[in-house]
Amino acid sequence: IVFVNDGMRRWHAERYPYAADRMQVVPNGWEPELLGT
């Protein structure tokens, strides 16, 4: 189970503790191929 930030992960981990060890954070990001340097 993946979230965009740790606050979201923590909220869900507290509500669903049986799944907490499978919860990860994958932040958003930006695309160099679209924005260039």
PDB file of all heavy atoms in Angstrom:
ATOM      1  N   ILE A   1       0.869  -1.176   0.000  1.00  0.00           N
ATOM      2  CA  ILE A   1       0.000   0.000   0.000  1.00  0.00           C
ATOM      3  C   ILE A   1       0.904   1.223   0.000  1.00  0.00           C
ATOM      4  O   ILE A   1       1.775   1.350   0.857  1.00  0.00           O
ATOM      5  CB  ILE A   1      -0.927   0.024   1.232  1.00  0.00           C
ATOM      6  CG1 ILE A   1      -1.736  -1.276   1.327  1.00  0.00           C
ATOM      7  CG2 ILE A   1      -1.839   1.228   1.196  1.00  0.00           C
ATOM      8  CD1 ILE A   1      -1.386  -2.118   2.535  1.00  0.00           C
ATOM      9  N   VAL A   2       0.685   2.107  -0.967  1.00  0.00           N
ATOM     10  CA  VAL A   2       1.589   3.243  -1.170  1.00  0.00           C
ATOM     11  C   VAL A   2       0.844   4.557  -0.958  1.00  0.00           C
ATOM     12  O   VAL A   2      -0.310   4.712  -1.365  1.00  0.00           O
ATOM     13  CB  VAL A   2       2.178   3.178  -2.601  1.00  0.00           C
ATOM     14  CG1 VAL A   2       2.884   4.472  -2.960  1.00  0.00           C
ATOM     15  CG2 VAL A   2       3.143   2.013  -2.705  1.00  0.00           C
ATOM     16  N   PHE A   3       1.538   5.530  -0.330  1.00  0.00           N
ATOM     17  CA  PHE A   3       0.982   6.863  -0.078  1.00  0.00           C
ATOM     18  C   PHE A   3       1.964   7.917  -0.565  1.00  0.00           C
ATOM     19  O   PHE A   3       3.166   7.673  -0.680  1.00  0.00           O
ATOM     20  CB  PHE A   3       0.708   7.054   1.415  1.00  0.00           C
ATOM     21  CG  PHE A   3      -0.227   6.038   1.996  1.00  0.00           C
ATOM     22  CD1 PHE A   3       0.267   4.884   2.587  1.00  0.00           C
ATOM     23  CD2 PHE A   3      -1.602   6.217   1.931  1.00  0.00           C
ATOM     24  CE1 PHE A   3      -0.592   3.916   3.101  1.00  0.00           C
ATOM     25  CE2 PHE A   3      -2.468   5.263   2.445  1.00  0.00           C
ATOM     26  CZ  PHE A   3      -1.965   4.111   3.025  1.00  0.00           C
ATOM     27  N   VAL A   4       1.453   9.135  -0.794  1.00  0.00           N
ATOM     28  CA  VAL A   4       2.306  10.205  -1.315  1.00  0.00           C
ATOM     29  C   VAL A   4       3.075  10.937  -0.226  1.00  0.00           C
ATOM     30  O   VAL A   4       4.018  11.658  -0.515  1.00  0.00           O
ATOM     31  CB  VAL A   4       1.495  11.227  -2.143  1.00  0.00           C
ATOM     32  CG1 VAL A   4       0.940  10.586  -3.395  1.00  0.00           C
ATOM     33  CG2 VAL A   4       0.377  11.840  -1.317  1.00  0.00           C
ATOM     34  N   ASN A   5       2.686  10.760   1.035  1.00  0.00           N
ATOM     35  CA  ASN A   5       3.440  11.385   2.126  1.00  0.00           C
ATOM     36  C   ASN A   5       3.274  10.563   3.394  1.00  0.00           C
ATOM     37  O   ASN A   5       2.394   9.693   3.493  1.00  0.00           O
ATOM     38  CB  ASN A   5       3.037  12.851   2.341  1.00  0.00           C
ATOM     39  CG  ASN A   5       1.565  13.006   2.685  1.00  0.00           C
ATOM     40  OD1 ASN A   5       1.074  12.441   3.664  1.00  0.00           O
ATOM     41  ND2 ASN A   5       0.843  13.797   1.893  1.00  0.00           N
ATOM     42  N   ASP A   6       4.136  10.833   4.369  1.00  0.00           N
ATOM     43  CA  ASP A   6       4.144   9.999   5.573  1.00  0.00           C
ATOM     44  C   ASP A   6       2.964  10.285   6.491  1.00  0.00           C
ATOM     45  O   ASP A   6       2.560   9.410   7.260  1.00  0.00           O
ATOM     46  CB  ASP A   6       5.460  10.202   6.342  1.00  0.00           C
ATOM     47  CG  ASP A   6       5.715   9.095   7.337  1.00  0.00           C
ATOM     48  OD1 ASP A   6       5.694   7.913   6.920  1.00  0.00           O
ATOM     49  OD2 ASP A   6       5.896   9.389   8.533  1.00  0.00           O
ATOM     50  N   GLY A   7       2.409  11.485   6.425  1.00  0.00           N
ATOM     51  CA  GLY A   7       1.231  11.772   7.229  1.00  0.00           C
ATOM     52  C   GLY A   7       0.073  10.870   6.854  1.00  0.00           C
ATOM     53  O   GLY A   7      -0.631  10.317   7.720  1.00  0.00           O
ATOM     54  N   MET A   8      -0.124  10.688   5.554  1.00  0.00           N
ATOM     55  CA  MET A   8      -1.176   9.792   5.076  1.00  0.00           C
ATOM     56  C   MET A   8      -0.881   8.355   5.485  1.00  0.00           C
ATOM     57  O   MET A   8      -1.782   7.607   5.883  1.00  0.00           O
ATOM     58  CB  MET A   8      -1.284   9.898   3.560  1.00  0.00           C
ATOM     59  CG  MET A   8      -1.811  11.220   3.065  1.00  0.00           C
ATOM     60  SD  MET A   8      -3.603  11.241   2.965  1.00  0.00           S
ATOM     61  CE  MET A   8      -3.846  10.237   1.513  1.00  0.00           C
ATOM     62  N   ARG A   9       0.374   7.963   5.373  1.00  0.00           N
ATOM     63  CA  ARG A   9       0.732   6.594   5.769  1.00  0.00           C
ATOM     64  C   ARG A   9       0.439   6.358   7.237  1.00  0.00           C
ATOM     65  O   ARG A   9      -0.138   5.325   7.618  1.00  0.00           O
ATOM     66  CB  ARG A   9       2.212   6.328   5.469  1.00  0.00           C
ATOM     67  CG  ARG A   9       2.651   4.892   5.784  1.00  0.00           C
ATOM     68  CD  ARG A   9       4.160   4.785   5.919  1.00  0.00           C
ATOM     69  NE  ARG A   9       4.638   5.577   7.051  1.00  0.00           N
ATOM     70  CZ  ARG A   9       4.601   5.185   8.330  1.00  0.00           C
ATOM     71  NH1 ARG A   9       4.055   4.026   8.646  1.00  0.00           N
ATOM     72  NH2 ARG A   9       5.071   5.973   9.275  1.00  0.00           N
ATOM     73  N   ARG A  10       0.816   7.310   8.093  1.00  0.00           N
ATOM     74  CA  ARG A  10       0.617   7.135   9.536  1.00  0.00           C
ATOM     75  C   ARG A  10      -0.867   7.046   9.878  1.00  0.00           C
ATOM     76  O   ARG A  10      -1.262   6.230  10.729  1.00  0.00           O
ATOM     77  CB  ARG A  10       1.261   8.300  10.300  1.00  0.00           C
ATOM     78  CG  ARG A  10       2.776   8.276  10.284  1.00  0.00           C
ATOM     79  CD  ARG A  10       3.348   9.193  11.363  1.00  0.00           C
ATOM     80  NE  ARG A  10       2.843  10.551  11.257  1.00  0.00           N
ATOM     81  CZ  ARG A  10       3.417  11.507  10.540  1.00  0.00           C
ATOM     82  NH1 ARG A  10       4.529  11.248   9.855  1.00  0.00           N
ATOM     83  NH2 ARG A  10       2.921  12.725  10.498  1.00  0.00           N
ATOM     84  N   TRP A  11      -1.696   7.882   9.237  1.00  0.00           N
ATOM     85  CA  TRP A  11      -3.133   7.849   9.533  1.00  0.00           C
ATOM     86  C   TRP A  11      -3.711   6.472   9.213  1.00  0.00           C
ATOM     87  O   TRP A  11      -4.471   5.898  10.006  1.00  0.00           O
ATOM     88  CB  TRP A  11      -3.863   8.919   8.713  1.00  0.00           C
ATOM     89  CG  TRP A  11      -5.316   9.054   9.070  1.00  0.00           C
ATOM     90  CD1 TRP A  11      -5.854   9.868  10.026  1.00  0.00           C
ATOM     91  CD2 TRP A  11      -6.427   8.342   8.480  1.00  0.00           C
ATOM     92  NE1 TRP A  11      -7.225   9.713  10.069  1.00  0.00           N
ATOM     93  CE2 TRP A  11      -7.605   8.784   9.142  1.00  0.00           C
ATOM     94  CE3 TRP A  11      -6.535   7.388   7.484  1.00  0.00           C
ATOM     95  CZ2 TRP A  11      -8.869   8.293   8.812  1.00  0.00           C
ATOM     96  CZ3 TRP A  11      -7.792   6.894   7.147  1.00  0.00           C
ATOM     97  CH2 TRP A  11      -8.951   7.351   7.812  1.00  0.00           C
ATOM     98  N   HIS A  12      -3.351   5.922   8.065  1.00  0.00           N
ATOM     99  CA  HIS A  12      -3.875   4.622   7.677  1.00  0.00           C
ATOM    100  C   HIS A  12      -3.273   3.496   8.513  1.00  0.00           C
ATOM    101  O   HIS A  12      -3.947   2.499   8.804  1.00  0.00           O
ATOM    102  CB  HIS A  12      -3.625   4.385   6.183  1.00  0.00           C
ATOM    103  CG  HIS A  12      -4.496   5.208   5.291  1.00  0.00           C
ATOM    104  ND1 HIS A  12      -4.207   6.525   4.975  1.00  0.00           N
ATOM    105  CD2 HIS A  12      -5.673   4.923   4.660  1.00  0.00           C
ATOM    106  CE1 HIS A  12      -5.150   6.999   4.174  1.00  0.00           C
ATOM    107  NE2 HIS A  12      -6.050   6.063   3.978  1.00  0.00           N
ATOM    108  N   ALA A  13      -2.021   3.649   8.908  1.00  0.00           N
ATOM    109  CA  ALA A  13      -1.393   2.619   9.740  1.00  0.00           C
ATOM    110  C   ALA A  13      -2.079   2.528  11.102  1.00  0.00           C
ATOM    111  O   ALA A  13      -2.234   1.436  11.663  1.00  0.00           O
ATOM    112  CB  ALA A  13       0.092   2.914   9.910  1.00  0.00           C
ATOM    113  N   GLU A  14      -2.498   3.653  11.642  1.00  0.00           N
ATOM    114  CA  GLU A  14      -3.198   3.646  12.922  1.00  0.00           C
ATOM    115  C   GLU A  14      -4.590   3.033  12.798  1.00  0.00           C
ATOM    116  O   GLU A  14      -5.052   2.319  13.689  1.00  0.00           O
ATOM    117  CB  GLU A  14      -3.300   5.076  13.466  1.00  0.00           C
ATOM    118  CG  GLU A  14      -1.957   5.653  13.894  1.00  0.00           C
ATOM    119  CD  GLU A  14      -2.050   7.118  14.257  1.00  0.00           C
ATOM    120  OE1 GLU A  14      -3.185   7.673  14.247  1.00  0.00           O
ATOM    121  OE2 GLU A  14      -1.000   7.727  14.547  1.00  0.00           O
ATOM    122  N   ARG A  15      -5.258   3.290  11.681  1.00  0.00           N
ATOM    123  CA  ARG A  15      -6.612   2.765  11.487  1.00  0.00           C
ATOM    124  C   ARG A  15      -6.595   1.295  11.086  1.00  0.00           C
ATOM    125  O   ARG A  15      -7.502   0.537  11.467  1.00  0.00           O
ATOM    126  CB  ARG A  15      -7.339   3.593  10.426  1.00  0.00           C
ATOM    127  CG  ARG A  15      -8.763   3.120  10.123  1.00  0.00           C
ATOM    128  CD  ARG A  15      -9.556   4.167   9.399  1.00  0.00           C
ATOM    129  NE  ARG A  15     -10.032   5.212  10.289  1.00  0.00           N
ATOM    130  CZ  ARG A  15     -11.219   5.199  10.887  1.00  0.00           C
ATOM    131  NH1 ARG A  15     -12.037   4.180  10.732  1.00  0.00           N
ATOM    132  NH2 ARG A  15     -11.578   6.194  11.661  1.00  0.00           N
ATOM    133  N   TYR A  16      -5.584   0.888  10.325  1.00  0.00           N
ATOM    134  CA  TYR A  16      -5.492  -0.493   9.848  1.00  0.00           C
ATOM    135  C   TYR A  16      -4.131  -1.072  10.247  1.00  0.00           C
ATOM    136  O   TYR A  16      -3.273  -1.319   9.382  1.00  0.00           O
ATOM    137  CB  TYR A  16      -5.675  -0.546   8.329  1.00  0.00           C
ATOM    138  CG  TYR A  16      -6.934   0.127   7.838  1.00  0.00           C
ATOM    139  CD1 TYR A  16      -6.897   1.373   7.196  1.00  0.00           C
ATOM    140  CD2 TYR A  16      -8.179  -0.472   8.019  1.00  0.00           C
ATOM    141  CE1 TYR A  16      -8.056   1.987   6.745  1.00  0.00           C
ATOM    142  CE2 TYR A  16      -9.344   0.140   7.583  1.00  0.00           C
ATOM    143  CZ  TYR A  16      -9.280   1.366   6.949  1.00  0.00           C
ATOM    144  OH  TYR A  16     -10.427   1.978   6.512  1.00  0.00           O
ATOM    145  N   PRO A  17      -3.902  -1.300  11.522  1.00  0.00           N
ATOM    146  CA  PRO A  17      -2.575  -1.735  11.977  1.00  0.00           C
ATOM    147  C   PRO A  17      -2.127  -3.067  11.388  1.00  0.00           C
ATOM    148  O   PRO A  17      -0.921  -3.314  11.253  1.00  0.00           O
ATOM    149  CB  PRO A  17      -2.740  -1.825  13.501  1.00  0.00           C
ATOM    150  CG  PRO A  17      -4.216  -1.954  13.729  1.00  0.00           C
ATOM    151  CD  PRO A  17      -4.857  -1.156  12.639  1.00  0.00           C
ATOM    152  N   TYR A  18      -3.063  -3.925  11.021  1.00  0.00           N
ATOM    153  CA  TYR A  18      -2.697  -5.228  10.462  1.00  0.00           C
ATOM    154  C   TYR A  18      -2.035  -5.106   9.094  1.00  0.00           C
ATOM    155  O   TYR A  18      -1.414  -6.055   8.598  1.00  0.00           O
ATOM    156  CB  TYR A  18      -3.932  -6.127  10.354  1.00  0.00           C
ATOM    157  CG  TYR A  18      -5.109  -5.506   9.631  1.00  0.00           C
ATOM    158  CD1 TYR A  18      -5.177  -5.483   8.243  1.00  0.00           C
ATOM    159  CD2 TYR A  18      -6.155  -4.918  10.349  1.00  0.00           C
ATOM    160  CE1 TYR A  18      -6.244  -4.903   7.585  1.00  0.00           C
ATOM    161  CE2 TYR A  18      -7.232  -4.336   9.695  1.00  0.00           C
ATOM    162  CZ  TYR A  18      -7.275  -4.335   8.313  1.00  0.00           C
ATOM    163  OH  TYR A  18      -8.338  -3.761   7.663  1.00  0.00           O
ATOM    164  N   ALA A  19      -2.159  -3.930   8.454  1.00  0.00           N
ATOM    165  CA  ALA A  19      -1.540  -3.720   7.151  1.00  0.00           C
ATOM    166  C   ALA A  19      -0.360  -2.753   7.217  1.00  0.00           C
ATOM    167  O   ALA A  19       0.252  -2.453   6.188  1.00  0.00           O
ATOM    168  CB  ALA A  19      -2.569  -3.196   6.154  1.00  0.00           C
ATOM    169  N   ALA A  20      -0.023  -2.280   8.407  1.00  0.00           N
ATOM    170  CA  ALA A  20       0.980  -1.214   8.552  1.00  0.00           C
ATOM    171  C   ALA A  20       2.345  -1.616   8.002  1.00  0.00           C
ATOM    172  O   ALA A  20       3.061  -0.781   7.435  1.00  0.00           O
ATOM    173  CB  ALA A  20       1.111  -0.815  10.020  1.00  0.00           C
ATOM    174  N   ASP A  21       2.717  -2.881   8.137  1.00  0.00           N
ATOM    175  CA  ASP A  21       4.046  -3.296   7.683  1.00  0.00           C
ATOM    176  C   ASP A  21       4.151  -3.364   6.166  1.00  0.00           C
ATOM    177  O   ASP A  21       5.243  -3.521   5.625  1.00  0.00           O
ATOM    178  CB  ASP A  21       4.418  -4.645   8.295  1.00  0.00           C
ATOM    179  CG  ASP A  21       3.474  -5.768   7.859  1.00  0.00           C
ATOM    180  OD1 ASP A  21       2.338  -5.461   7.446  1.00  0.00           O
ATOM    181  OD2 ASP A  21       3.877  -6.949   7.946  1.00  0.00           O
ATOM    182  N   ARG A  22       3.029  -3.213   5.464  1.00  0.00           N
ATOM    183  CA  ARG A  22       3.044  -3.217   4.000  1.00  0.00           C
ATOM    184  C   ARG A  22       2.816  -1.824   3.419  1.00  0.00           C
ATOM    185  O   ARG A  22       2.630  -1.676   2.211  1.00  0.00           O
ATOM    186  CB  ARG A  22       1.977  -4.192   3.484  1.00  0.00           C
ATOM    187  CG  ARG A  22       2.351  -5.658   3.663  1.00  0.00           C
ATOM    188  CD  ARG A  22       1.199  -6.597   3.348  1.00  0.00           C
ATOM    189  NE  ARG A  22       0.262  -6.678   4.463  1.00  0.00           N
ATOM    190  CZ  ARG A  22      -1.041  -6.467   4.361  1.00  0.00           C
ATOM    191  NH1 ARG A  22      -1.581  -6.127   3.204  1.00  0.00           N
ATOM    192  NH2 ARG A  22      -1.815  -6.560   5.416  1.00  0.00           N
ATOM    193  N   MET A  23       2.833  -0.821   4.278  1.00  0.00           N
ATOM    194  CA  MET A  23       2.598   0.555   3.838  1.00  0.00           C
ATOM    195  C   MET A  23       3.920   1.274   3.587  1.00  0.00           C
ATOM    196  O   MET A  23       4.843   1.204   4.411  1.00  0.00           O
ATOM    197  CB  MET A  23       1.776   1.313   4.882  1.00  0.00           C
ATOM    198  CG  MET A  23       0.367   0.766   5.047  1.00  0.00           C
ATOM    199  SD  MET A  23      -0.602   1.681   6.287  1.00  0.00           S
ATOM    200  CE  MET A  23      -2.174   0.816   6.197  1.00  0.00           C
ATOM    201  N   GLN A  24       4.001   1.941   2.440  1.00  0.00           N
ATOM    202  CA  GLN A  24       5.210   2.639   2.029  1.00  0.00           C
ATOM    203  C   GLN A  24       4.854   4.046   1.538  1.00  0.00           C
ATOM    204  O   GLN A  24       3.695   4.318   1.202  1.00  0.00           O
ATOM    205  CB  GLN A  24       5.906   1.880   0.895  1.00  0.00           C
ATOM    206  CG  GLN A  24       6.328   0.466   1.242  1.00  0.00           C
ATOM    207  CD  GLN A  24       7.595   0.417   2.056  1.00  0.00           C
ATOM    208  OE1 GLN A  24       8.296   1.428   2.204  1.00  0.00           O
ATOM    209  NE2 GLN A  24       7.914  -0.754   2.598  1.00  0.00           N
ATOM    210  N   VAL A  25       5.852   4.904   1.491  1.00  0.00           N
ATOM    211  CA  VAL A  25       5.688   6.251   0.943  1.00  0.00           C
ATOM    212  C   VAL A  25       6.449   6.351  -0.376  1.00  0.00           C
ATOM    213  O   VAL A  25       7.629   6.016  -0.442  1.00  0.00           O
ATOM    214  CB  VAL A  25       6.187   7.332   1.922  1.00  0.00           C
ATOM    215  CG1 VAL A  25       6.146   8.720   1.269  1.00  0.00           C
ATOM    216  CG2 VAL A  25       5.374   7.322   3.197  1.00  0.00           C
ATOM    217  N   VAL A  26       5.765   6.776  -1.404  1.00  0.00           N
ATOM    218  CA  VAL A  26       6.388   7.086  -2.699  1.00  0.00           C
ATOM    219  C   VAL A  26       6.011   8.526  -3.022  1.00  0.00           C
ATOM    220  O   VAL A  26       4.893   8.795  -3.476  1.00  0.00           O
ATOM    221  CB  VAL A  26       5.916   6.144  -3.816  1.00  0.00           C
ATOM    222  CG1 VAL A  26       6.539   6.546  -5.153  1.00  0.00           C
ATOM    223  CG2 VAL A  26       6.274   4.697  -3.491  1.00  0.00           C
ATOM    224  N   PRO A  27       6.898   9.478  -2.756  1.00  0.00           N
ATOM    225  CA  PRO A  27       6.546  10.884  -2.996  1.00  0.00           C
ATOM    226  C   PRO A  27       6.292  11.154  -4.472  1.00  0.00           C
ATOM    227  O   PRO A  27       6.735  10.407  -5.352  1.00  0.00           O
ATOM    228  CB  PRO A  27       7.788  11.650  -2.511  1.00  0.00           C
ATOM    229  CG  PRO A  27       8.625  10.667  -1.781  1.00  0.00           C
ATOM    230  CD  PRO A  27       8.268   9.318  -2.288  1.00  0.00           C
ATOM    231  N   ASN A  28       5.575  12.229  -4.732  1.00  0.00           N
ATOM    232  CA  ASN A  28       5.483  12.713  -6.098  1.00  0.00           C
ATOM    233  C   ASN A  28       6.833  13.290  -6.512  1.00  0.00           C
ATOM    234  O   ASN A  28       7.788  13.317  -5.726  1.00  0.00           O
ATOM    235  CB  ASN A  28       4.379  13.760  -6.220  1.00  0.00           C
ATOM    236  CG  ASN A  28       3.003  13.128  -6.301  1.00  0.00           C
ATOM    237  OD1 ASN A  28       2.790  12.160  -7.026  1.00  0.00           O
ATOM    238  ND2 ASN A  28       2.053  13.663  -5.559  1.00  0.00           N
ATOM    239  N   GLY A  29       6.928  13.767  -7.710  1.00  0.00           N
ATOM    240  CA  GLY A  29       8.187  14.316  -8.182  1.00  0.00           C
ATOM    241  C   GLY A  29       7.967  15.167  -9.415  1.00  0.00           C
ATOM    242  O   GLY A  29       6.840  15.540  -9.741  1.00  0.00           O
ATOM    243  N   TRP A  30       9.033  15.472 -10.109  1.00  0.00           N
ATOM    244  CA  TRP A  30       8.944  16.297 -11.310  1.00  0.00           C
ATOM    245  C   TRP A  30       9.683  15.605 -12.457  1.00  0.00           C
ATOM    246  O   TRP A  30      10.501  14.696 -12.237  1.00  0.00           O
ATOM    247  CB  TRP A  30       9.499  17.696 -11.078  1.00  0.00           C
ATOM    248  CG  TRP A  30      10.963  17.758 -10.737  1.00  0.00           C
ATOM    249  CD1 TRP A  30      11.543  17.493  -9.524  1.00  0.00           C
ATOM    250  CD2 TRP A  30      12.038  18.087 -11.622  1.00  0.00           C
ATOM    251  NE1 TRP A  30      12.900  17.635  -9.597  1.00  0.00           N
ATOM    252  CE2 TRP A  30      13.242  18.011 -10.870  1.00  0.00           C
ATOM    253  CE3 TRP A  30      12.110  18.453 -12.960  1.00  0.00           C
ATOM    254  CZ2 TRP A  30      14.484  18.272 -11.419  1.00  0.00           C
ATOM    255  CZ3 TRP A  30      13.357  18.719 -13.523  1.00  0.00           C
ATOM    256  CH2 TRP A  30      14.523  18.634 -12.751  1.00  0.00           C
ATOM    257  N   GLU A  31       9.381  16.042 -13.679  1.00  0.00           N
ATOM    258  CA  GLU A  31       9.865  15.374 -14.873  1.00  0.00           C
ATOM    259  C   GLU A  31      10.869  16.239 -15.628  1.00  0.00           C
ATOM    260  O   GLU A  31      10.476  17.202 -16.297  1.00  0.00           O
ATOM    261  CB  GLU A  31       8.688  15.036 -15.802  1.00  0.00           C
ATOM    262  CG  GLU A  31       7.664  14.086 -15.200  1.00  0.00           C
ATOM    263  CD  GLU A  31       6.604  14.781 -14.353  1.00  0.00           C
ATOM    264  OE1 GLU A  31       6.680  16.026 -14.201  1.00  0.00           O
ATOM    265  OE2 GLU A  31       5.720  14.089 -13.846  1.00  0.00           O
ATOM    266  N   PRO A  32      12.156  15.922 -15.560  1.00  0.00           N
ATOM    267  CA  PRO A  32      13.157  16.714 -16.306  1.00  0.00           C
ATOM    268  C   PRO A  32      12.878  16.738 -17.805  1.00  0.00           C
ATOM    269  O   PRO A  32      13.183  17.736 -18.477  1.00  0.00           O
ATOM    270  CB  PRO A  32      14.472  15.993 -15.995  1.00  0.00           C
ATOM    271  CG  PRO A  32      14.230  15.313 -14.683  1.00  0.00           C
ATOM    272  CD  PRO A  32      12.796  14.894 -14.717  1.00  0.00           C
ATOM    273  N   GLU A  33      12.301  15.647 -18.344  1.00  0.00           N
ATOM    274  CA  GLU A  33      12.053  15.611 -19.780  1.00  0.00           C
ATOM    275  C   GLU A  33      10.967  16.595 -20.197  1.00  0.00           C
ATOM    276  O   GLU A  33      10.873  16.965 -21.375  1.00  0.00           O
ATOM    277  CB  GLU A  33      11.675  14.195 -20.221  1.00  0.00           C
ATOM    278  CG  GLU A  33      10.308  13.697 -19.765  1.00  0.00           C
ATOM    279  CD  GLU A  33      10.313  13.078 -18.379  1.00  0.00           C
ATOM    280  OE1 GLU A  33      11.287  13.292 -17.630  1.00  0.00           O
ATOM    281  OE2 GLU A  33       9.339  12.377 -18.051  1.00  0.00           O
ATOM    282  N   LEU A  34      10.138  17.042 -19.238  1.00  0.00           N
ATOM    283  CA  LEU A  34       9.100  18.019 -19.541  1.00  0.00           C
ATOM    284  C   LEU A  34       9.529  19.440 -19.202  1.00  0.00           C
ATOM    285  O   LEU A  34       9.168  20.388 -19.898  1.00  0.00           O
ATOM    286  CB  LEU A  34       7.818  17.680 -18.775  1.00  0.00           C
ATOM    287  CG  LEU A  34       7.130  16.363 -19.129  1.00  0.00           C
ATOM    288  CD1 LEU A  34       5.877  16.184 -18.286  1.00  0.00           C
ATOM    289  CD2 LEU A  34       6.777  16.306 -20.612  1.00  0.00           C
ATOM    290  N   LEU A  35      10.275  19.591 -18.123  1.00  0.00           N
ATOM    291  CA  LEU A  35      10.632  20.932 -17.649  1.00  0.00           C
ATOM    292  C   LEU A  35      12.010  21.388 -18.096  1.00  0.00           C
ATOM    293  O   LEU A  35      12.303  22.589 -18.100  1.00  0.00           O
ATOM    294  CB  LEU A  35      10.548  20.978 -16.122  1.00  0.00           C
ATOM    295  CG  LEU A  35       9.158  20.769 -15.527  1.00  0.00           C
ATOM    296  CD1 LEU A  35       9.219  20.823 -14.003  1.00  0.00           C
ATOM    297  CD2 LEU A  35       8.171  21.807 -16.041  1.00  0.00           C
ATOM    298  N   GLY A  36      12.870  20.435 -18.439  1.00  0.00           N
ATOM    299  CA  GLY A  36      14.219  20.804 -18.824  1.00  0.00           C
ATOM    300  C   GLY A  36      15.032  21.293 -17.620  1.00  0.00           C
ATOM    301  O   GLY A  36      14.631  21.144 -16.472  1.00  0.00           O
ATOM    302  N   THR A  37      16.185  21.901 -17.894  1.00  0.00           N
ATOM    303  CA  THR A  37      17.054  22.448 -16.848  1.00  0.00           C
ATOM    304  C   THR A  37      17.074  23.964 -16.978  1.00  0.00           C
ATOM    305  O   THR A  37      17.492  24.492 -18.011  1.00  0.00           O
ATOM    306  CB  THR A  37      18.488  21.899 -16.974  1.00  0.00           C
ATOM    307  OG1 THR A  37      18.453  20.476 -16.901  1.00  0.00           O
ATOM    308  CG2 THR A  37      19.364  22.455 -15.857  1.00  0.00           C
TER     309      THR A  37
END
